[in-house]
Every structure is written in C-alpha cells, then in structure tokens.
C-alpha cells in the first residue's frame, strides 16, 4: 500500500524569515541639511522613522514613538538606544555590527559628536537595507 499523505514540511518552511520588511535608506547629507534648516526638529522625525523601521524589521525593540519621546525629552539617551538597536539588528542577521552601543558616547562632544554619530548610524542602516534590496539612491523620506 502507498501512503498518500503529504510529506512533512521542511524546516526551512517552518522557520520565520530573519526579518520583516526592510527600511528605507536615507541620504546622509540631505538629512543633515534639513536638520540644520529646521533647527533640529527634523531629527525628531528621523528618530521616529528609523525607530519604527528597526522595530518592524526586527520584530522587537522600542519603536518609533519611544524614540520620538526620548529624542524630544532626553536626547542623549537616543544616541545609545539607536546604536544598540542597530547593533542588535546586525547581530541578529549574523553579521559583524558596524556600530555598537558605545557609539552613544559621541553625545559628549557637542555638535561634531552629533554629526559623527549620525553619519555612522545612517551609513550602517543604509548598508544594511541596501544589502537586502533597498534602493541604492537614498532620499530624505
């Protein structure tokens, strides 16, 4: 007699994909320019978007609303939390993190520290999203 039951699903079909929808690469220079023109208010939107994209992709994390609140009320905390989320994203993907939580210490160096931190975070995010099929011509939003 033959067994007409279907074969059991493979392990690959049982496990979830490594992440959710990828985030959007953003232009480093354009974001810095808009942040300057808006006297820093653009950083609130940037923090919200990136926090939300990290949470959606990793299916874990603080999310956009929490990052927005931290950015508005306790700005230096954002430096550590965002770096930590990006570091975890790389580790979860089995890759060497391009940034670590300790990068948050850049807030101690006024202005130039903010720029160095932002450039490193955004480049790490852009590289990660682009390696997974994100656009190679990043914009602002």
Protein backbone atom coordinates (compact mmCIF):
# COMPACT_ATOMS: atom_id res chain seq x y z
CA UNK A 1 0.00 0.00 0.00
CA UNK A 2 1.08 3.52 -0.69
CA UNK A 3 0.93 6.34 1.76
CA UNK A 4 -0.98 9.24 0.21
CA UNK A 5 -0.26 11.71 2.99
CA UNK A 6 1.84 14.73 2.12
CA UNK A 7 5.45 14.82 3.26
CA UNK A 8 6.14 16.86 6.40
CA UNK A 9 7.12 20.48 5.77
CA UNK A 10 10.83 21.16 5.63
CA UNK A 11 12.49 23.02 8.49
CA UNK A 12 13.11 25.97 6.20
CA UNK A 13 9.39 26.47 5.60
CA UNK A 14 8.66 26.29 9.33
CA UNK A 15 11.11 28.98 10.45
CA UNK A 16 10.27 32.65 10.07
CA UNK A 17 12.29 34.83 7.75
CA UNK A 18 15.15 36.64 9.50
CA UNK A 19 13.37 39.99 9.44
CA UNK A 20 10.29 41.88 8.43
CA UNK A 21 10.05 44.50 5.68
CA UNK A 22 13.28 46.40 5.15
CA UNK A 23 13.63 50.07 5.98
CA UNK A 24 14.42 52.94 3.64
CA UNK A 25 17.97 54.13 3.07
CA UNK A 26 18.23 57.88 3.71
CA UNK A 27 20.60 60.47 2.29
CA UNK A 28 23.15 61.44 4.92
CA UNK A 29 23.88 64.91 3.53
CA UNK A 30 20.27 65.80 2.80
CA UNK A 31 19.15 64.75 6.28
CA UNK A 32 21.89 66.84 7.91
CA UNK A 33 20.91 69.83 5.75
CA UNK A 34 17.22 69.54 6.62
CA UNK A 35 18.05 69.09 10.31
CA UNK A 36 20.04 72.34 10.22
CA UNK A 37 17.35 74.25 8.30
CA UNK A 38 14.63 73.07 10.72
CA UNK A 39 16.77 73.87 13.78
CA UNK A 40 16.91 70.20 14.74
CA UNK A 41 13.22 69.41 14.53
CA UNK A 42 13.85 67.06 11.61
CA UNK A 43 15.82 64.81 13.98
CA UNK A 44 12.55 64.04 15.74
CA UNK A 45 11.05 62.70 12.50
CA UNK A 46 14.26 60.88 11.64
CA UNK A 47 14.32 59.19 15.05
CA UNK A 48 10.69 58.15 14.75
CA UNK A 49 11.09 56.69 11.25
CA UNK A 50 14.27 54.78 12.00
CA UNK A 51 13.00 53.52 15.35
CA UNK A 52 9.81 52.27 13.72
CA UNK A 53 11.64 50.62 10.81
CA UNK A 54 14.03 48.87 13.21
CA UNK A 55 11.12 47.56 15.27
CA UNK A 56 9.21 46.34 12.22
CA UNK A 57 12.25 44.64 10.71
CA UNK A 58 13.49 43.03 13.94
CA UNK A 59 10.02 42.35 15.32
CA UNK A 60 11.43 43.64 18.58
CA UNK A 61 12.59 46.94 20.02
CA UNK A 62 11.26 50.26 21.21
CA UNK A 63 9.59 51.55 18.07
CA UNK A 64 9.13 55.00 16.65
CA UNK A 65 7.00 56.53 19.41
CA UNK A 66 9.53 55.68 22.12
CA UNK A 67 12.41 57.03 20.04
CA UNK A 68 10.45 60.21 19.37
CA UNK A 69 9.83 60.75 23.09
CA UNK A 70 13.44 60.07 24.01
CA UNK A 71 14.66 62.40 21.26
CA UNK A 72 12.40 65.21 22.44
CA UNK A 73 12.83 64.87 26.21
CA UNK A 74 16.11 63.02 26.89
CA UNK A 75 18.08 63.48 23.68
CA UNK A 76 21.37 61.79 24.77
CA UNK A 77 19.54 58.53 25.51
CA UNK A 78 18.66 58.28 21.81
CA UNK A 79 22.37 58.03 20.97
CA UNK A 80 22.73 54.84 22.99
CA UNK A 81 19.36 53.27 22.22
CA UNK A 82 19.54 53.74 18.44
CA UNK A 83 23.12 52.43 18.34
CA UNK A 84 22.01 49.43 20.41
CA UNK A 85 19.10 48.66 18.08
CA UNK A 86 21.32 48.85 15.00
CA UNK A 87 23.94 46.66 16.69
CA UNK A 88 21.30 44.05 17.56
CA UNK A 89 19.96 44.10 14.01
CA UNK A 90 23.39 43.22 12.63
CA UNK A 91 23.95 40.53 15.27
CA UNK A 92 20.51 39.00 14.59
CA UNK A 93 21.46 38.81 10.91
CA UNK A 94 24.69 37.00 11.79
CA UNK A 95 26.85 39.92 10.68
CA UNK A 96 29.57 41.88 12.41
CA UNK A 97 27.96 45.08 13.79
CA UNK A 98 29.20 48.23 12.11
CA UNK A 99 28.28 50.22 15.18
CA UNK A 100 27.99 49.39 18.88
CA UNK A 101 26.08 50.85 21.80
CA UNK A 102 29.25 52.63 22.96
CA UNK A 103 28.96 54.92 19.94
CA UNK A 104 26.38 56.75 22.05
CA UNK A 105 29.25 58.40 23.88
CA UNK A 106 29.63 60.77 20.92
CA UNK A 107 26.96 62.96 22.55
CA UNK A 108 29.71 64.11 24.94
CA UNK A 109 31.38 66.02 22.09
CA UNK A 110 28.99 68.87 21.27
CA UNK A 111 27.90 69.36 17.65
CA UNK A 112 30.69 67.45 15.88
CA UNK A 113 29.93 64.39 18.03
CA UNK A 114 26.30 64.53 16.92
CA UNK A 115 27.32 64.68 13.28
CA UNK A 116 29.85 61.84 13.56
CA UNK A 117 27.30 59.68 15.40
CA UNK A 118 24.53 60.40 12.90
CA UNK A 119 26.72 59.72 9.84
CA UNK A 120 27.88 56.38 11.27
CA UNK A 121 24.36 55.29 12.27
CA UNK A 122 22.79 56.27 8.96
CA UNK A 123 25.55 54.64 6.92
CA UNK A 124 25.18 51.41 8.93
CA UNK A 125 21.41 51.48 8.35
CA UNK A 126 21.79 52.30 4.65
CA UNK A 127 24.31 49.49 4.14
CA UNK A 128 22.05 47.01 5.92
CA UNK A 129 18.90 47.98 3.98
CA UNK A 130 20.71 48.13 0.63
CA UNK A 131 22.28 44.69 1.19
CA UNK A 132 18.72 43.39 1.47
CA UNK A 133 17.36 45.04 -1.64
CA UNK A 134 16.75 48.62 -0.51
CA UNK A 135 17.14 51.44 -3.01
CA UNK A 136 20.68 52.42 -3.90
CA UNK A 137 19.70 56.07 -4.32
CA UNK A 138 18.56 57.13 -0.85
CA UNK A 139 16.31 60.11 -0.37
CA UNK A 140 15.02 62.00 2.61
CA UNK A 141 11.92 60.02 3.49
